[in-house]
PDB file of N, CA and C in Angstrom:
ATOM      1  N   MET A   1      28.903   4.020 -47.012  1.00  0.00           N
ATOM      2  CA  MET A   1      28.740   2.995 -48.017  1.00  0.00           C
ATOM      3  C   MET A   1      29.190   1.671 -47.432  1.00  0.00           C
ATOM      4  N   ILE A   2      28.480   0.618 -47.790  1.00  0.00           N
ATOM      5  CA  ILE A   2      28.849  -0.709 -47.318  1.00  0.00           C
ATOM      6  C   ILE A   2      29.354  -1.546 -48.471  1.00  0.00           C
ATOM      7  N   LEU A   3      30.354  -2.327 -48.209  1.00  0.00           N
ATOM      8  CA  LEU A   3      30.892  -3.228 -49.213  1.00  0.00           C
ATOM      9  C   LEU A   3      30.735  -4.652 -48.704  1.00  0.00           C
ATOM     10  N   GLY A   4      29.727  -5.343 -49.190  1.00  0.00           N
ATOM     11  CA  GLY A   4      29.521  -6.719 -48.805  1.00  0.00           C
ATOM     12  C   GLY A   4      28.914  -6.919 -47.432  1.00  0.00           C
ATOM     13  N   GLY A   5      28.571  -5.865 -46.757  1.00  0.00           N
ATOM     14  CA  GLY A   5      27.967  -5.983 -45.441  1.00  0.00           C
ATOM     15  C   GLY A   5      26.515  -5.561 -45.470  1.00  0.00           C
ATOM     16  N   ALA A   6      25.862  -5.751 -44.360  1.00  0.00           N
ATOM     17  CA  ALA A   6      24.462  -5.370 -44.243  1.00  0.00           C
ATOM     18  C   ALA A   6      24.370  -3.893 -43.853  1.00  0.00           C
ATOM     19  N   PRO A   7      23.288  -3.233 -44.265  1.00  0.00           N
ATOM     20  CA  PRO A   7      23.102  -1.849 -43.830  1.00  0.00           C
ATOM     21  C   PRO A   7      22.940  -1.828 -42.312  1.00  0.00           C
ATOM     22  N   THR A   8      23.619  -0.927 -41.672  1.00  0.00           N
ATOM     23  CA  THR A   8      23.572  -0.867 -40.212  1.00  0.00           C
ATOM     24  C   THR A   8      23.521   0.571 -39.719  1.00  0.00           C
ATOM     25  N   VAL A   9      23.094   0.699 -38.483  1.00  0.00           N
ATOM     26  CA  VAL A   9      23.106   1.984 -37.779  1.00  0.00           C
ATOM     27  C   VAL A   9      23.969   1.772 -36.545  1.00  0.00           C
ATOM     28  N   GLU A  10      25.006   2.565 -36.388  1.00  0.00           N
ATOM     29  CA  GLU A  10      25.872   2.480 -35.215  1.00  0.00           C
ATOM     30  C   GLU A  10      25.482   3.569 -34.225  1.00  0.00           C
ATOM     31  N   ARG A  11      25.385   3.171 -32.964  1.00  0.00           N
ATOM     32  CA  ARG A  11      25.030   4.096 -31.896  1.00  0.00           C
ATOM     33  C   ARG A  11      26.117   4.085 -30.824  1.00  0.00           C
ATOM     34  N   ASP A  12      26.223   5.189 -30.116  1.00  0.00           N
ATOM     35  CA  ASP A  12      27.162   5.236 -29.000  1.00  0.00           C
ATOM     36  C   ASP A  12      26.484   4.606 -27.781  1.00  0.00           C
ATOM     37  N   PRO A  13      27.187   4.511 -26.652  1.00  0.00           N
ATOM     38  CA  PRO A  13      26.598   3.882 -25.461  1.00  0.00           C
ATOM     39  C   PRO A  13      25.340   4.582 -24.942  1.00  0.00           C
ATOM     40  N   TYR A  14      25.115   5.826 -25.368  1.00  0.00           N
ATOM     41  CA  TYR A  14      23.942   6.576 -24.916  1.00  0.00           C
ATOM     42  C   TYR A  14      22.771   6.475 -25.888  1.00  0.00           C
ATOM     43  N   GLY A  15      22.961   5.737 -26.971  1.00  0.00           N
ATOM     44  CA  GLY A  15      21.899   5.566 -27.952  1.00  0.00           C
ATOM     45  C   GLY A  15      21.900   6.592 -29.065  1.00  0.00           C
ATOM     46  N   THR A  16      22.861   7.505 -29.059  1.00  0.00           N
ATOM     47  CA  THR A  16      22.954   8.517 -30.095  1.00  0.00           C
ATOM     48  C   THR A  16      23.525   7.904 -31.367  1.00  0.00           C
ATOM     49  N   ILE A  17      22.892   8.170 -32.477  1.00  0.00           N
ATOM     50  CA  ILE A  17      23.353   7.638 -33.753  1.00  0.00           C
ATOM     51  C   ILE A  17      24.677   8.286 -34.122  1.00  0.00           C
ATOM     52  N   ARG A  18      25.657   7.463 -34.443  1.00  0.00           N
ATOM     53  CA  ARG A  18      26.982   7.944 -34.820  1.00  0.00           C
ATOM     54  C   ARG A  18      27.292   7.693 -36.285  1.00  0.00           C
ATOM     55  N   ALA A  19      26.707   6.638 -36.883  1.00  0.00           N
ATOM     56  CA  ALA A  19      26.984   6.319 -38.286  1.00  0.00           C
ATOM     57  C   ALA A  19      25.843   5.483 -38.845  1.00  0.00           C
ATOM     58  N   VAL A  20      25.571   5.685 -40.118  1.00  0.00           N
ATOM     59  CA  VAL A  20      24.593   4.870 -40.840  1.00  0.00           C
ATOM     60  C   VAL A  20      25.275   4.394 -42.103  1.00  0.00           C
ATOM     61  N   PHE A  21      25.249   3.095 -42.330  1.00  0.00           N
ATOM     62  CA  PHE A  21      25.883   2.519 -43.510  1.00  0.00           C
ATOM     63  C   PHE A  21      24.813   2.074 -44.492  1.00  0.00           C
ATOM     64  N   VAL A  22      24.914   2.545 -45.726  1.00  0.00           N
ATOM     65  CA  VAL A  22      23.955   2.213 -46.782  1.00  0.00           C
ATOM     66  C   VAL A  22      24.703   1.686 -48.005  1.00  0.00           C
ATOM     67  N   SER A  23      23.953   1.046 -48.891  1.00  0.00           N
ATOM     68  CA  SER A  23      24.532   0.561 -50.137  1.00  0.00           C
ATOM     69  C   SER A  23      24.267   1.566 -51.241  1.00  0.00           C
ATOM     70  N   ALA A  24      25.334   2.081 -51.836  1.00  0.00           N
ATOM     71  CA  ALA A  24      25.182   2.998 -52.967  1.00  0.00           C
ATOM     72  C   ALA A  24      24.703   2.250 -54.201  1.00  0.00           C
ATOM     73  N   ALA A  25      24.995   0.970 -54.280  1.00  0.00           N
ATOM     74  CA  ALA A  25      24.633   0.172 -55.454  1.00  0.00           C
ATOM     75  C   ALA A  25      23.162  -0.235 -55.448  1.00  0.00           C
ATOM     76  N   THR A  26      22.657  -0.618 -54.261  1.00  0.00           N
ATOM     77  CA  THR A  26      21.291  -1.144 -54.206  1.00  0.00           C
ATOM     78  C   THR A  26      20.315  -0.244 -53.474  1.00  0.00           C
ATOM     79  N   GLY A  27      20.834   0.681 -52.675  1.00  0.00           N
ATOM     80  CA  GLY A  27      19.955   1.547 -51.892  1.00  0.00           C
ATOM     81  C   GLY A  27      19.538   0.936 -50.568  1.00  0.00           C
ATOM     82  N   LEU A  28      20.021  -0.276 -50.271  1.00  0.00           N
ATOM     83  CA  LEU A  28      19.697  -0.875 -48.980  1.00  0.00           C
ATOM     84  C   LEU A  28      20.212   0.016 -47.862  1.00  0.00           C
ATOM     85  N   GLY A  29      19.374   0.231 -46.876  1.00  0.00           N
ATOM     86  CA  GLY A  29      19.759   1.060 -45.741  1.00  0.00           C
ATOM     87  C   GLY A  29      19.299   2.499 -45.845  1.00  0.00           C
ATOM     88  N   LEU A  30      18.731   2.891 -46.991  1.00  0.00           N
ATOM     89  CA  LEU A  30      18.293   4.280 -47.127  1.00  0.00           C
ATOM     90  C   LEU A  30      17.181   4.630 -46.139  1.00  0.00           C
ATOM     91  N   GLN A  31      16.303   3.676 -45.852  1.00  0.00           N
ATOM     92  CA  GLN A  31      15.252   3.942 -44.872  1.00  0.00           C
ATOM     93  C   GLN A  31      15.872   4.169 -43.494  1.00  0.00           C
ATOM     94  N   ASN A  32      16.915   3.407 -43.175  1.00  0.00           N
ATOM     95  CA  ASN A  32      17.631   3.627 -41.914  1.00  0.00           C
ATOM     96  C   ASN A  32      18.207   5.038 -41.870  1.00  0.00           C
ATOM     97  N   LEU A  33      18.756   5.480 -42.991  1.00  0.00           N
ATOM     98  CA  LEU A  33      19.326   6.821 -43.061  1.00  0.00           C
ATOM     99  C   LEU A  33      18.253   7.885 -42.875  1.00  0.00           C
ATOM    100  N   ARG A  34      17.129   7.717 -43.536  1.00  0.00           N
ATOM    101  CA  ARG A  34      16.021   8.685 -43.385  1.00  0.00           C
ATOM    102  C   ARG A  34      15.558   8.769 -41.929  1.00  0.00           C
ATOM    103  N   GLU A  35      15.409   7.605 -41.306  1.00  0.00           N
ATOM    104  CA  GLU A  35      14.968   7.578 -39.913  1.00  0.00           C
ATOM    105  C   GLU A  35      16.000   8.214 -38.985  1.00  0.00           C
ATOM    106  N   ALA A  36      17.280   7.986 -39.255  1.00  0.00           N
ATOM    107  CA  ALA A  36      18.338   8.573 -38.441  1.00  0.00           C
ATOM    108  C   ALA A  36      18.336  10.091 -38.571  1.00  0.00           C
ATOM    109  N   ILE A  37      18.163  10.587 -39.783  1.00  0.00           N
ATOM    110  CA  ILE A  37      18.111  12.034 -40.003  1.00  0.00           C
ATOM    111  C   ILE A  37      16.907  12.631 -39.280  1.00  0.00           C
ATOM    112  N   ALA A  38      15.753  11.989 -39.409  1.00  0.00           N
ATOM    113  CA  ALA A  38      14.540  12.485 -38.753  1.00  0.00           C
ATOM    114  C   ALA A  38      14.717  12.496 -37.237  1.00  0.00           C
ATOM    115  N   GLN A  39      15.302  11.430 -36.701  1.00  0.00           N
ATOM    116  CA  GLN A  39      15.517  11.356 -35.263  1.00  0.00           C
ATOM    117  C   GLN A  39      16.448  12.465 -34.797  1.00  0.00           C
ATOM    118  N   ARG A  40      17.504  12.708 -35.530  1.00  0.00           N
ATOM    119  CA  ARG A  40      18.474  13.743 -35.168  1.00  0.00           C
ATOM    120  C   ARG A  40      17.839  15.131 -35.247  1.00  0.00           C
ATOM    121  N   LEU A  41      17.052  15.372 -36.305  1.00  0.00           N
ATOM    122  CA  LEU A  41      16.399  16.668 -36.451  1.00  0.00           C
ATOM    123  C   LEU A  41      15.381  16.913 -35.350  1.00  0.00           C
ATOM    124  N   LEU A  42      14.636  15.884 -34.980  1.00  0.00           N
ATOM    125  CA  LEU A  42      13.669  16.042 -33.899  1.00  0.00           C
ATOM    126  C   LEU A  42      14.367  16.342 -32.579  1.00  0.00           C
ATOM    127  N   ALA A  43      15.485  15.674 -32.331  1.00  0.00           N
ATOM    128  CA  ALA A  43      16.239  15.929 -31.103  1.00  0.00           C
ATOM    129  C   ALA A  43      16.777  17.354 -31.099  1.00  0.00           C
ATOM    130  N   THR A  44      17.290  17.807 -32.231  1.00  0.00           N
ATOM    131  CA  THR A  44      17.813  19.164 -32.347  1.00  0.00           C
ATOM    132  C   THR A  44      16.695  20.182 -32.174  1.00  0.00           C
ATOM    133  N   ARG A  45      15.557  19.902 -32.790  1.00  0.00           N
ATOM    134  CA  ARG A  45      14.413  20.813 -32.680  1.00  0.00           C
ATOM    135  C   ARG A  45      13.974  20.934 -31.222  1.00  0.00           C
ATOM    136  N   HIS A  46      13.920  19.803 -30.524  1.00  0.00           N
ATOM    137  CA  HIS A  46      13.527  19.817 -29.116  1.00  0.00           C
ATOM    138  C   HIS A  46      14.523  20.629 -28.291  1.00  0.00           C
ATOM    139  N   THR A  47      15.812  20.451 -28.547  1.00  0.00           N
ATOM    140  CA  THR A  47      16.844  21.195 -27.826  1.00  0.00           C
ATOM    141  C   THR A  47      16.696  22.688 -28.052  1.00  0.00           C
ATOM    142  N   TRP A  48      16.482  23.092 -29.310  1.00  0.00           N
ATOM    143  CA  TRP A  48      16.318  24.513 -29.602  1.00  0.00           C
ATOM    144  C   TRP A  48      15.060  25.072 -28.969  1.00  0.00           C
ATOM    145  N   ALA A  49      13.977  24.316 -28.993  1.00  0.00           N
ATOM    146  CA  ALA A  49      12.728  24.795 -28.395  1.00  0.00           C
ATOM    147  C   ALA A  49      12.888  24.967 -26.895  1.00  0.00           C
ATOM    148  N   THR A  50      13.561  24.034 -26.249  1.00  0.00           N
ATOM    149  CA  THR A  50      13.793  24.121 -24.808  1.00  0.00           C
ATOM    150  C   THR A  50      14.684  25.305 -24.484  1.00  0.00           C
ATOM    151  N   THR A  51      15.751  25.480 -25.252  1.00  0.00           N
ATOM    152  CA  THR A  51      16.666  26.598 -25.041  1.00  0.00           C
ATOM    153  C   THR A  51      15.955  27.926 -25.271  1.00  0.00           C
ATOM    154  N   ASP A  52      15.167  28.009 -26.335  1.00  0.00           N
ATOM    155  CA  ASP A  52      14.436  29.225 -26.653  1.00  0.00           C
ATOM    156  C   ASP A  52      13.463  29.587 -25.533  1.00  0.00           C
ATOM    157  N   ALA A  53      12.752  28.609 -24.999  1.00  0.00           N
ATOM    158  CA  ALA A  53      11.810  28.857 -23.915  1.00  0.00           C
ATOM    159  C   ALA A  53      12.551  29.337 -22.674  1.00  0.00           C
ATOM    160  N   ALA A  54      13.699  28.751 -22.376  1.00  0.00           N
ATOM    161  CA  ALA A  54      14.476  29.165 -21.198  1.00  0.00           C
ATOM    162  C   ALA A  54      14.983  30.590 -21.356  1.00  0.00           C
ATOM    163  N   VAL A  55      15.420  30.946 -22.538  1.00  0.00           N
ATOM    164  CA  VAL A  55      15.910  32.306 -22.794  1.00  0.00           C
ATOM    165  C   VAL A  55      14.765  33.302 -22.640  1.00  0.00           C
ATOM    166  N   ARG A  56      13.613  32.970 -23.188  1.00  0.00           N
ATOM    167  CA  ARG A  56      12.467  33.886 -23.063  1.00  0.00           C
ATOM    168  C   ARG A  56      12.065  34.046 -21.608  1.00  0.00           C
ATOM    169  N   THR A  57      12.112  32.988 -20.824  1.00  0.00           N
ATOM    170  CA  THR A  57      11.777  33.069 -19.400  1.00  0.00           C
ATOM    171  C   THR A  57      12.769  33.959 -18.667  1.00  0.00           C
ATOM    172  N   ASP A  58      14.066  33.803 -18.988  1.00  0.00           N
ATOM    173  CA  ASP A  58      15.093  34.636 -18.350  1.00  0.00           C
ATOM    174  C   ASP A  58      14.925  36.106 -18.726  1.00  0.00           C
ATOM    175  N   LEU A  59      14.586  36.368 -19.957  1.00  0.00           N
ATOM    176  CA  LEU A  59      14.419  37.757 -20.414  1.00  0.00           C
ATOM    177  C   LEU A  59      13.195  38.409 -19.763  1.00  0.00           C
ATOM    178  N   ALA A  60      12.167  37.617 -19.521  1.00  0.00           N
ATOM    179  CA  ALA A  60      10.950  38.159 -18.938  1.00  0.00           C
ATOM    180  C   ALA A  60      11.104  38.442 -17.443  1.00  0.00           C
ATOM    181  N   ALA A  61      12.068  37.796 -16.823  1.00  0.00           N
ATOM    182  CA  ALA A  61      12.247  37.942 -15.360  1.00  0.00           C
ATOM    183  C   ALA A  61      12.879  39.267 -14.989  1.00  0.00           C
TER     184      ALA A  61
END
């Protein structure tokens, strides 16, 4: 939640989203939050798909 500030997305030095600030009163920043969630889920999905493929390759060997 933001108090008197602008909605923001905080990232670490590697570009990973660490925090998203939105306004509970006005809803400002909700689109940023949706995009951050989608980005995180896509990254997680990619990681799981890569891990799953590697495990299947190891099992087949």
